[in-house]
Amino acid sequence: STVYADSVKGRFTISQDNDKNTLYQQLNSMKAEDAAMYFC
């Protein structure tokens, strides 16, 4: 299951590679308001 903030729905995608123990976030169609420190 995935959940997204309304502000990023349709633009950001969360995914993972279990073999690499890695979580990803694809950020598309970036807006000025997306500027931030991003934490996992």
PDB file of all heavy atoms in Angstrom:
ATOM      1  N   SER A   1       0.829  -1.196   0.000  1.00  0.00           N
ATOM      2  CA  SER A   1       0.000   0.000   0.000  1.00  0.00           C
ATOM      3  C   SER A   1       0.867   1.251   0.000  1.00  0.00           C
ATOM      4  O   SER A   1       1.925   1.289   0.624  1.00  0.00           O
ATOM      5  CB  SER A   1      -0.916   0.024   1.218  1.00  0.00           C
ATOM      6  OG  SER A   1      -1.837  -1.053   1.189  1.00  0.00           O
ATOM      7  N   THR A   2       0.400   2.270  -0.683  1.00  0.00           N
ATOM      8  CA  THR A   2       1.091   3.549  -0.721  1.00  0.00           C
ATOM      9  C   THR A   2       0.131   4.666  -0.367  1.00  0.00           C
ATOM     10  O   THR A   2      -1.076   4.567  -0.589  1.00  0.00           O
ATOM     11  CB  THR A   2       1.702   3.830  -2.100  1.00  0.00           C
ATOM     12  OG1 THR A   2       0.670   3.797  -3.099  1.00  0.00           O
ATOM     13  CG2 THR A   2       2.761   2.794  -2.443  1.00  0.00           C
ATOM     14  N   VAL A   3       0.676   5.725   0.188  1.00  0.00           N
ATOM     15  CA  VAL A   3      -0.091   6.923   0.475  1.00  0.00           C
ATOM     16  C   VAL A   3       0.711   8.121   0.001  1.00  0.00           C
ATOM     17  O   VAL A   3       1.942   8.125   0.058  1.00  0.00           O
ATOM     18  CB  VAL A   3      -0.434   7.069   1.973  1.00  0.00           C
ATOM     19  CG1 VAL A   3      -1.381   5.962   2.412  1.00  0.00           C
ATOM     20  CG2 VAL A   3       0.824   7.055   2.832  1.00  0.00           C
ATOM     21  N   TYR A   4       0.001   9.142  -0.462  1.00  0.00           N
ATOM     22  CA  TYR A   4       0.634  10.351  -0.953  1.00  0.00           C
ATOM     23  C   TYR A   4      -0.080  11.566  -0.405  1.00  0.00           C
ATOM     24  O   TYR A   4      -1.305  11.564  -0.240  1.00  0.00           O
ATOM     25  CB  TYR A   4       0.599  10.420  -2.480  1.00  0.00           C
ATOM     26  CG  TYR A   4       1.420   9.374  -3.187  1.00  0.00           C
ATOM     27  CD1 TYR A   4       0.881   8.151  -3.536  1.00  0.00           C
ATOM     28  CD2 TYR A   4       2.744   9.642  -3.515  1.00  0.00           C
ATOM     29  CE1 TYR A   4       1.640   7.204  -4.192  1.00  0.00           C
ATOM     30  CE2 TYR A   4       3.510   8.690  -4.174  1.00  0.00           C
ATOM     31  CZ  TYR A   4       2.956   7.473  -4.512  1.00  0.00           C
ATOM     32  OH  TYR A   4       3.717   6.538  -5.168  1.00  0.00           O
ATOM     33  N   ALA A   5       0.690  12.587  -0.141  1.00  0.00           N
ATOM     34  CA  ALA A   5       0.090  13.864   0.174  1.00  0.00           C
ATOM     35  C   ALA A   5      -0.628  14.400  -1.061  1.00  0.00           C
ATOM     36  O   ALA A   5      -0.187  14.183  -2.196  1.00  0.00           O
ATOM     37  CB  ALA A   5       1.154  14.857   0.628  1.00  0.00           C
ATOM     38  N   ASP A   6      -1.730  15.094  -0.845  1.00  0.00           N
ATOM     39  CA  ASP A   6      -2.484  15.630  -1.969  1.00  0.00           C
ATOM     40  C   ASP A   6      -1.634  16.533  -2.857  1.00  0.00           C
ATOM     41  O   ASP A   6      -1.823  16.579  -4.074  1.00  0.00           O
ATOM     42  CB  ASP A   6      -3.699  16.415  -1.467  1.00  0.00           C
ATOM     43  CG  ASP A   6      -4.782  15.518  -0.895  1.00  0.00           C
ATOM     44  OD1 ASP A   6      -4.789  14.308  -1.191  1.00  0.00           O
ATOM     45  OD2 ASP A   6      -5.636  16.036  -0.161  1.00  0.00           O
ATOM     46  N   SER A   7      -0.693  17.224  -2.259  1.00  0.00           N
ATOM     47  CA  SER A   7       0.120  18.175  -2.996  1.00  0.00           C
ATOM     48  C   SER A   7       1.069  17.528  -3.998  1.00  0.00           C
ATOM     49  O   SER A   7       1.585  18.211  -4.888  1.00  0.00           O
ATOM     50  CB  SER A   7       0.925  19.047  -2.027  1.00  0.00           C
ATOM     51  OG  SER A   7       1.773  18.250  -1.224  1.00  0.00           O
ATOM     52  N   VAL A   8       1.298  16.219  -3.868  1.00  0.00           N
ATOM     53  CA  VAL A   8       2.247  15.552  -4.755  1.00  0.00           C
ATOM     54  C   VAL A   8       1.620  14.436  -5.571  1.00  0.00           C
ATOM     55  O   VAL A   8       2.302  13.840  -6.419  1.00  0.00           O
ATOM     56  CB  VAL A   8       3.463  15.001  -3.978  1.00  0.00           C
ATOM     57  CG1 VAL A   8       4.099  16.100  -3.146  1.00  0.00           C
ATOM     58  CG2 VAL A   8       3.061  13.820  -3.105  1.00  0.00           C
ATOM     59  N   LYS A   9       0.362  14.138  -5.359  1.00  0.00           N
ATOM     60  CA  LYS A   9      -0.292  13.071  -6.107  1.00  0.00           C
ATOM     61  C   LYS A   9      -0.215  13.335  -7.603  1.00  0.00           C
ATOM     62  O   LYS A   9      -0.480  14.439  -8.065  1.00  0.00           O
ATOM     63  CB  LYS A   9      -1.754  12.929  -5.680  1.00  0.00           C
ATOM     64  CG  LYS A   9      -1.944  12.271  -4.335  1.00  0.00           C
ATOM     65  CD  LYS A   9      -3.416  12.125  -3.993  1.00  0.00           C
ATOM     66  CE  LYS A   9      -3.609  11.439  -2.659  1.00  0.00           C
ATOM     67  NZ  LYS A   9      -5.032  11.344  -2.284  1.00  0.00           N
ATOM     68  N   GLY A  10       0.142  12.308  -8.338  1.00  0.00           N
ATOM     69  CA  GLY A  10       0.267  12.430  -9.777  1.00  0.00           C
ATOM     70  C   GLY A  10       1.614  12.931 -10.238  1.00  0.00           C
ATOM     71  O   GLY A  10       1.912  12.891 -11.435  1.00  0.00           O
ATOM     72  N   ARG A  11       2.448  13.400  -9.303  1.00  0.00           N
ATOM     73  CA  ARG A  11       3.767  13.918  -9.654  1.00  0.00           C
ATOM     74  C   ARG A  11       4.899  13.105  -9.044  1.00  0.00           C
ATOM     75  O   ARG A  11       5.945  12.937  -9.667  1.00  0.00           O
ATOM     76  CB  ARG A  11       3.905  15.373  -9.217  1.00  0.00           C
ATOM     77  CG  ARG A  11       2.898  16.311  -9.868  1.00  0.00           C
ATOM     78  CD  ARG A  11       3.227  17.766  -9.568  1.00  0.00           C
ATOM     79  NE  ARG A  11       3.158  18.060  -8.134  1.00  0.00           N
ATOM     80  CZ  ARG A  11       4.195  18.480  -7.413  1.00  0.00           C
ATOM     81  NH1 ARG A  11       5.385  18.662  -7.981  1.00  0.00           N
ATOM     82  NH2 ARG A  11       4.046  18.740  -6.118  1.00  0.00           N
ATOM     83  N   PHE A  12       4.697  12.610  -7.821  1.00  0.00           N
ATOM     84  CA  PHE A  12       5.726  11.854  -7.121  1.00  0.00           C
ATOM     85  C   PHE A  12       5.338  10.384  -7.066  1.00  0.00           C
ATOM     86  O   PHE A  12       4.154  10.046  -6.978  1.00  0.00           O
ATOM     87  CB  PHE A  12       5.904  12.355  -5.688  1.00  0.00           C
ATOM     88  CG  PHE A  12       6.478  13.738  -5.555  1.00  0.00           C
ATOM     89  CD1 PHE A  12       6.702  14.543  -6.661  1.00  0.00           C
ATOM     90  CD2 PHE A  12       6.797  14.225  -4.304  1.00  0.00           C
ATOM     91  CE1 PHE A  12       7.232  15.815  -6.533  1.00  0.00           C
ATOM     92  CE2 PHE A  12       7.329  15.497  -4.155  1.00  0.00           C
ATOM     93  CZ  PHE A  12       7.545  16.290  -5.262  1.00  0.00           C
ATOM     94  N   THR A  13       6.337   9.524  -7.092  1.00  0.00           N
ATOM     95  CA  THR A  13       6.104   8.096  -6.999  1.00  0.00           C
ATOM     96  C   THR A  13       7.089   7.476  -6.020  1.00  0.00           C
ATOM     97  O   THR A  13       8.302   7.675  -6.143  1.00  0.00           O
ATOM     98  CB  THR A  13       6.259   7.408  -8.366  1.00  0.00           C
ATOM     99  OG1 THR A  13       5.356   7.999  -9.307  1.00  0.00           O
ATOM    100  CG2 THR A  13       5.947   5.917  -8.246  1.00  0.00           C
ATOM    101  N   ILE A  14       6.572   6.730  -5.052  1.00  0.00           N
ATOM    102  CA  ILE A  14       7.416   6.031  -4.104  1.00  0.00           C
ATOM    103  C   ILE A  14       7.541   4.573  -4.540  1.00  0.00           C
ATOM    104  O   ILE A  14       6.576   3.963  -4.998  1.00  0.00           O
ATOM    105  CB  ILE A  14       6.862   6.146  -2.667  1.00  0.00           C
ATOM    106  CG1 ILE A  14       7.868   5.606  -1.648  1.00  0.00           C
ATOM    107  CG2 ILE A  14       5.513   5.456  -2.537  1.00  0.00           C
ATOM    108  CD1 ILE A  14       7.493   5.927  -0.200  1.00  0.00           C
ATOM    109  N   SER A  15       8.720   4.030  -4.408  1.00  0.00           N
ATOM    110  CA  SER A  15       8.972   2.647  -4.780  1.00  0.00           C
ATOM    111  C   SER A  15      10.133   2.116  -3.958  1.00  0.00           C
ATOM    112  O   SER A  15      10.777   2.866  -3.219  1.00  0.00           O
ATOM    113  CB  SER A  15       9.259   2.518  -6.277  1.00  0.00           C
ATOM    114  OG  SER A  15      10.415   3.253  -6.636  1.00  0.00           O
ATOM    115  N   GLN A  16      10.397   0.825  -4.081  1.00  0.00           N
ATOM    116  CA  GLN A  16      11.480   0.231  -3.321  1.00  0.00           C
ATOM    117  C   GLN A  16      12.125  -0.909  -4.082  1.00  0.00           C
ATOM    118  O   GLN A  16      11.516  -1.537  -4.940  1.00  0.00           O
ATOM    119  CB  GLN A  16      10.988  -0.259  -1.948  1.00  0.00           C
ATOM    120  CG  GLN A  16      10.026  -1.434  -1.983  1.00  0.00           C
ATOM    121  CD  GLN A  16       8.625  -1.028  -2.364  1.00  0.00           C
ATOM    122  OE1 GLN A  16       8.188   0.070  -2.051  1.00  0.00           O
ATOM    123  NE2 GLN A  16       7.914  -1.911  -3.051  1.00  0.00           N
ATOM    124  N   ASP A  17      13.371  -1.150  -3.750  1.00  0.00           N
ATOM    125  CA  ASP A  17      14.108  -2.300  -4.241  1.00  0.00           C
ATOM    126  C   ASP A  17      14.496  -3.102  -3.012  1.00  0.00           C
ATOM    127  O   ASP A  17      15.430  -2.742  -2.304  1.00  0.00           O
ATOM    128  CB  ASP A  17      15.336  -1.862  -5.033  1.00  0.00           C
ATOM    129  CG  ASP A  17      16.074  -3.030  -5.667  1.00  0.00           C
ATOM    130  OD1 ASP A  17      16.026  -4.153  -5.129  1.00  0.00           O
ATOM    131  OD2 ASP A  17      16.712  -2.817  -6.714  1.00  0.00           O
ATOM    132  N   ASN A  18      13.762  -4.166  -2.767  1.00  0.00           N
ATOM    133  CA  ASN A  18      13.977  -4.938  -1.551  1.00  0.00           C
ATOM    134  C   ASN A  18      15.357  -5.596  -1.505  1.00  0.00           C
ATOM    135  O   ASN A  18      15.956  -5.718  -0.436  1.00  0.00           O
ATOM    136  CB  ASN A  18      12.894  -5.999  -1.393  1.00  0.00           C
ATOM    137  CG  ASN A  18      11.530  -5.403  -1.116  1.00  0.00           C
ATOM    138  OD1 ASN A  18      11.414  -4.286  -0.617  1.00  0.00           O
ATOM    139  ND2 ASN A  18      10.481  -6.153  -1.425  1.00  0.00           N
ATOM    140  N   ASP A  19      15.854  -6.012  -2.652  1.00  0.00           N
ATOM    141  CA  ASP A  19      17.170  -6.649  -2.699  1.00  0.00           C
ATOM    142  C   ASP A  19      18.277  -5.681  -2.313  1.00  0.00           C
ATOM    143  O   ASP A  19      19.303  -6.091  -1.770  1.00  0.00           O
ATOM    144  CB  ASP A  19      17.441  -7.219  -4.080  1.00  0.00           C
ATOM    145  CG  ASP A  19      16.573  -8.414  -4.411  1.00  0.00           C
ATOM    146  OD1 ASP A  19      16.078  -9.074  -3.474  1.00  0.00           O
ATOM    147  OD2 ASP A  19      16.384  -8.698  -5.608  1.00  0.00           O
ATOM    148  N   LYS A  20      18.075  -4.419  -2.601  1.00  0.00           N
ATOM    149  CA  LYS A  20      19.067  -3.398  -2.271  1.00  0.00           C
ATOM    150  C   LYS A  20      18.752  -2.668  -0.970  1.00  0.00           C
ATOM    151  O   LYS A  20      19.494  -1.767  -0.579  1.00  0.00           O
ATOM    152  CB  LYS A  20      19.174  -2.381  -3.404  1.00  0.00           C
ATOM    153  CG  LYS A  20      19.709  -2.951  -4.705  1.00  0.00           C
ATOM    154  CD  LYS A  20      19.828  -1.867  -5.764  1.00  0.00           C
ATOM    155  CE  LYS A  20      20.399  -2.416  -7.051  1.00  0.00           C
ATOM    156  NZ  LYS A  20      20.519  -1.361  -8.083  1.00  0.00           N
ATOM    157  N   ASN A  21      17.659  -3.052  -0.316  1.00  0.00           N
ATOM    158  CA  ASN A  21      17.233  -2.386   0.914  1.00  0.00           C
ATOM    159  C   ASN A  21      17.141  -0.874   0.717  1.00  0.00           C
ATOM    160  O   ASN A  21      17.578  -0.092   1.563  1.00  0.00           O
ATOM    161  CB  ASN A  21      18.182  -2.705   2.073  1.00  0.00           C
ATOM    162  CG  ASN A  21      18.228  -4.178   2.395  1.00  0.00           C
ATOM    163  OD1 ASN A  21      17.203  -4.844   2.437  1.00  0.00           O
ATOM    164  ND2 ASN A  21      19.428  -4.691   2.640  1.00  0.00           N
ATOM    165  N   THR A  22      16.560  -0.482  -0.392  1.00  0.00           N
ATOM    166  CA  THR A  22      16.544   0.918  -0.765  1.00  0.00           C
ATOM    167  C   THR A  22      15.137   1.372  -1.126  1.00  0.00           C
ATOM    168  O   THR A  22      14.410   0.683  -1.850  1.00  0.00           O
ATOM    169  CB  THR A  22      17.485   1.176  -1.948  1.00  0.00           C
ATOM    170  OG1 THR A  22      18.819   0.788  -1.582  1.00  0.00           O
ATOM    171  CG2 THR A  22      17.496   2.644  -2.327  1.00  0.00           C
ATOM    172  N   LEU A  23      14.783   2.525  -0.618  1.00  0.00           N
ATOM    173  CA  LEU A  23      13.523   3.185  -0.932  1.00  0.00           C
ATOM    174  C   LEU A  23      13.809   4.331  -1.883  1.00  0.00           C
ATOM    175  O   LEU A  23      14.818   5.026  -1.749  1.00  0.00           O
ATOM    176  CB  LEU A  23      12.883   3.715   0.348  1.00  0.00           C
ATOM    177  CG  LEU A  23      11.541   4.419   0.235  1.00  0.00           C
ATOM    178  CD1 LEU A  23      10.422   3.400   0.029  1.00  0.00           C
ATOM    179  CD2 LEU A  23      11.275   5.253   1.488  1.00  0.00           C
ATOM    180  N   TYR A  24      12.917   4.547  -2.831  1.00  0.00           N
ATOM    181  CA  TYR A  24      13.090   5.600  -3.809  1.00  0.00           C
ATOM    182  C   TYR A  24      11.891   6.534  -3.816  1.00  0.00           C
ATOM    183  O   TYR A  24      10.779   6.157  -3.448  1.00  0.00           O
ATOM    184  CB  TYR A  24      13.249   5.031  -5.221  1.00  0.00           C
ATOM    185  CG  TYR A  24      14.402   4.083  -5.382  1.00  0.00           C
ATOM    186  CD1 TYR A  24      14.196   2.709  -5.336  1.00  0.00           C
ATOM    187  CD2 TYR A  24      15.693   4.560  -5.580  1.00  0.00           C
ATOM    188  CE1 TYR A  24      15.251   1.828  -5.494  1.00  0.00           C
ATOM    189  CE2 TYR A  24      16.755   3.683  -5.736  1.00  0.00           C
ATOM    190  CZ  TYR A  24      16.528   2.323  -5.691  1.00  0.00           C
ATOM    191  OH  TYR A  24      17.580   1.452  -5.842  1.00  0.00           O
ATOM    192  N   GLN A  25      12.136   7.735  -4.247  1.00  0.00           N
ATOM    193  CA  GLN A  25      11.045   8.643  -4.550  1.00  0.00           C
ATOM    194  C   GLN A  25      11.394   9.397  -5.820  1.00  0.00           C
ATOM    195  O   GLN A  25      12.400  10.102  -5.870  1.00  0.00           O
ATOM    196  CB  GLN A  25      10.769   9.622  -3.409  1.00  0.00           C
ATOM    197  CG  GLN A  25       9.574  10.529  -3.698  1.00  0.00           C
ATOM    198  CD  GLN A  25       8.962  11.108  -2.456  1.00  0.00           C
ATOM    199  OE1 GLN A  25       8.064  10.504  -1.878  1.00  0.00           O
ATOM    200  NE2 GLN A  25       9.464  12.271  -2.041  1.00  0.00           N
ATOM    201  N   GLN A  26      10.558   9.224  -6.819  1.00  0.00           N
ATOM    202  CA  GLN A  26      10.683   9.954  -8.064  1.00  0.00           C
ATOM    203  C   GLN A  26       9.862  11.224  -7.958  1.00  0.00           C
ATOM    204  O   GLN A  26       8.662  11.163  -7.675  1.00  0.00           O
ATOM    205  CB  GLN A  26      10.195   9.097  -9.236  1.00  0.00           C
ATOM    206  CG  GLN A  26      10.316   9.761 -10.594  1.00  0.00           C
ATOM    207  CD  GLN A  26      11.743   9.902 -11.054  1.00  0.00           C
ATOM    208  OE1 GLN A  26      12.564   9.027 -10.804  1.00  0.00           O
ATOM    209  NE2 GLN A  26      12.042  11.001 -11.729  1.00  0.00           N
ATOM    210  N   LEU A  27      10.505  12.350  -8.160  1.00  0.00           N
ATOM    211  CA  LEU A  27       9.847  13.642  -8.077  1.00  0.00           C
ATOM    212  C   LEU A  27       9.792  14.228  -9.481  1.00  0.00           C
ATOM    213  O   LEU A  27      10.819  14.609 -10.040  1.00  0.00           O
ATOM    214  CB  LEU A  27      10.591  14.607  -7.152  1.00  0.00           C
ATOM    215  CG  LEU A  27      10.646  14.308  -5.646  1.00  0.00           C
ATOM    216  CD1 LEU A  27      11.548  13.118  -5.336  1.00  0.00           C
ATOM    217  CD2 LEU A  27      11.158  15.536  -4.904  1.00  0.00           C
ATOM    218  N   ASN A  28       8.609  14.290 -10.041  1.00  0.00           N
ATOM    219  CA  ASN A  28       8.413  14.833 -11.377  1.00  0.00           C
ATOM    220  C   ASN A  28       7.644  16.141 -11.313  1.00  0.00           C
ATOM    221  O   ASN A  28       6.968  16.436 -10.336  1.00  0.00           O
ATOM    222  CB  ASN A  28       7.654  13.840 -12.256  1.00  0.00           C
ATOM    223  CG  ASN A  28       8.425  12.578 -12.538  1.00  0.00           C
ATOM    224  OD1 ASN A  28       9.653  12.581 -12.592  1.00  0.00           O
ATOM    225  ND2 ASN A  28       7.700  11.481 -12.742  1.00  0.00           N
ATOM    226  N   SER A  29       7.739  16.893 -12.387  1.00  0.00           N
ATOM    227  CA  SER A  29       7.018  18.159 -12.507  1.00  0.00           C
ATOM    228  C   SER A  29       7.237  19.022 -11.271  1.00  0.00           C
ATOM    229  O   SER A  29       6.291  19.530 -10.665  1.00  0.00           O
ATOM    230  CB  SER A  29       5.524  17.899 -12.734  1.00  0.00           C
ATOM    231  OG  SER A  29       5.307  17.118 -13.896  1.00  0.00           O
ATOM    232  N   MET A  30       8.492  19.193 -10.911  1.00  0.00           N
ATOM    233  CA  MET A  30       8.838  19.891  -9.687  1.00  0.00           C
ATOM    234  C   MET A  30       8.339  21.330  -9.691  1.00  0.00           C
ATOM    235  O   MET A  30       8.395  22.027 -10.709  1.00  0.00           O
ATOM    236  CB  MET A  30      10.345  19.877  -9.479  1.00  0.00           C
ATOM    237  CG  MET A  30      10.928  18.481  -9.295  1.00  0.00           C
ATOM    238  SD  MET A  30      10.565  17.796  -7.662  1.00  0.00           S
ATOM    239  CE  MET A  30      11.608  18.834  -6.630  1.00  0.00           C
ATOM    240  N   LYS A  31       7.862  21.749  -8.537  1.00  0.00           N
ATOM    241  CA  LYS A  31       7.386  23.102  -8.328  1.00  0.00           C
ATOM    242  C   LYS A  31       8.249  23.782  -7.279  1.00  0.00           C
ATOM    243  O   LYS A  31       8.914  23.124  -6.483  1.00  0.00           O
ATOM    244  CB  LYS A  31       5.926  23.097  -7.861  1.00  0.00           C
ATOM    245  CG  LYS A  31       4.956  22.408  -8.797  1.00  0.00           C
ATOM    246  CD  LYS A  31       3.563  22.374  -8.184  1.00  0.00           C
ATOM    247  CE  LYS A  31       2.565  21.698  -9.103  1.00  0.00           C
ATOM    248  NZ  LYS A  31       1.210  21.661  -8.495  1.00  0.00           N
ATOM    249  N   ALA A  32       8.191  25.098  -7.257  1.00  0.00           N
ATOM    250  CA  ALA A  32       8.975  25.849  -6.289  1.00  0.00           C
ATOM    251  C   ALA A  32       8.661  25.415  -4.860  1.00  0.00           C
ATOM    252  O   ALA A  32       9.556  25.342  -4.007  1.00  0.00           O
ATOM    253  CB  ALA A  32       8.725  27.346  -6.455  1.00  0.00           C
ATOM    254  N   GLU A  33       7.409  25.109  -4.591  1.00  0.00           N
ATOM    255  CA  GLU A  33       7.013  24.723  -3.250  1.00  0.00           C
ATOM    256  C   GLU A  33       7.498  23.336  -2.845  1.00  0.00           C
ATOM    257  O   GLU A  33       7.339  22.933  -1.685  1.00  0.00           O
ATOM    258  CB  GLU A  33       5.486  24.808  -3.087  1.00  0.00           C
ATOM    259  CG  GLU A  33       4.711  24.025  -4.123  1.00  0.00           C
ATOM    260  CD  GLU A  33       4.241  24.888  -5.280  1.00  0.00           C
ATOM    261  OE1 GLU A  33       5.012  25.761  -5.727  1.00  0.00           O
ATOM    262  OE2 GLU A  33       3.094  24.696  -5.739  1.00  0.00           O
ATOM    263  N   ASP A  34       8.089  22.605  -3.779  1.00  0.00           N
ATOM    264  CA  ASP A  34       8.667  21.304  -3.461  1.00  0.00           C
ATOM    265  C   ASP A  34      10.060  21.421  -2.867  1.00  0.00           C
ATOM    266  O   ASP A  34      10.614  20.422  -2.394  1.00  0.00           O
ATOM    267  CB  ASP A  34       8.729  20.418  -4.703  1.00  0.00           C
ATOM    268  CG  ASP A  34       7.358  20.045  -5.237  1.00  0.00           C
ATOM    269  OD1 ASP A  34       6.443  19.805  -4.424  1.00  0.00           O
ATOM    270  OD2 ASP A  34       7.209  19.983  -6.472  1.00  0.00           O
ATOM    271  N   ALA A  35      10.648  22.588  -2.903  1.00  0.00           N
ATOM    272  CA  ALA A  35      11.970  22.789  -2.328  1.00  0.00           C
ATOM    273  C   ALA A  35      11.923  22.547  -0.829  1.00  0.00           C
ATOM    274  O   ALA A  35      11.087  23.122  -0.126  1.00  0.00           O
ATOM    275  CB  ALA A  35      12.477  24.194  -2.631  1.00  0.00           C
ATOM    276  N   ALA A  36      12.784  21.690  -0.339  1.00  0.00           N
ATOM    277  CA  ALA A  36      12.790  21.328   1.074  1.00  0.00           C
ATOM    278  C   ALA A  36      13.937  20.374   1.346  1.00  0.00           C
ATOM    279  O   ALA A  36      14.600  19.890   0.431  1.00  0.00           O
ATOM    280  CB  ALA A  36      11.468  20.668   1.468  1.00  0.00           C
ATOM    281  N   MET A  37      14.158  20.111   2.627  1.00  0.00           N
ATOM    282  CA  MET A  37      14.995  19.001   3.025  1.00  0.00           C
ATOM    283  C   MET A  37      14.097  17.771   3.081  1.00  0.00           C
ATOM    284  O   MET A  37      13.086  17.776   3.778  1.00  0.00           O
ATOM    285  CB  MET A  37      15.635  19.261   4.381  1.00  0.00           C
ATOM    286  CG  MET A  37      16.578  18.153   4.842  1.00  0.00           C
ATOM    287  SD  MET A  37      18.155  18.177   3.947  1.00  0.00           S
ATOM    288  CE  MET A  37      18.947  19.585   4.746  1.00  0.00           C
ATOM    289  N   TYR A  38      14.463  16.751   2.349  1.00  0.00           N
ATOM    290  CA  TYR A  38      13.682  15.529   2.297  1.00  0.00           C
ATOM    291  C   TYR A  38      14.308  14.465   3.188  1.00  0.00           C
ATOM    292  O   TYR A  38      15.509  14.204   3.116  1.00  0.00           O
ATOM    293  CB  TYR A  38      13.576  15.016   0.859  1.00  0.00           C
ATOM    294  CG  TYR A  38      12.571  15.788   0.038  1.00  0.00           C
ATOM    295  CD1 TYR A  38      12.870  17.061  -0.434  1.00  0.00           C
ATOM    296  CD2 TYR A  38      11.319  15.249  -0.246  1.00  0.00           C
ATOM    297  CE1 TYR A  38      11.939  17.785  -1.164  1.00  0.00           C
ATOM    298  CE2 TYR A  38      10.391  15.959  -0.985  1.00  0.00           C
ATOM    299  CZ  TYR A  38      10.701  17.227  -1.436  1.00  0.00           C
ATOM    300  OH  TYR A  38       9.782  17.941  -2.173  1.00  0.00           O
ATOM    301  N   PHE A  39      13.473  13.857   4.018  1.00  0.00           N
ATOM    302  CA  PHE A  39      13.910  12.844   4.964  1.00  0.00           C
ATOM    303  C   PHE A  39      13.246  11.513   4.676  1.00  0.00           C
ATOM    304  O   PHE A  39      12.060  11.450   4.366  1.00  0.00           O
ATOM    305  CB  PHE A  39      13.554  13.246   6.400  1.00  0.00           C
ATOM    306  CG  PHE A  39      14.223  14.490   6.878  1.00  0.00           C
ATOM    307  CD1 PHE A  39      13.635  15.729   6.698  1.00  0.00           C
ATOM    308  CD2 PHE A  39      15.443  14.415   7.529  1.00  0.00           C
ATOM    309  CE1 PHE A  39      14.246  16.878   7.150  1.00  0.00           C
ATOM    310  CE2 PHE A  39      16.062  15.561   7.989  1.00  0.00           C
ATOM    311  CZ  PHE A  39      15.466  16.793   7.797  1.00  0.00           C
ATOM    312  N   CYS A  40      13.995  10.465   4.821  1.00  0.00           N
ATOM    313  CA  CYS A  40      13.485   9.111   4.792  1.00  0.00           C
ATOM    314  C   CYS A  40      13.253   8.649   6.218  1.00  0.00           C
ATOM    315  O   CYS A  40      14.036   8.967   7.114  1.00  0.00           O
ATOM    316  CB  CYS A  40      14.494   8.196   4.086  1.00  0.00           C
ATOM    317  SG  CYS A  40      14.081   6.452   4.086  1.00  0.00           S
TER     318      CYS A  40
END
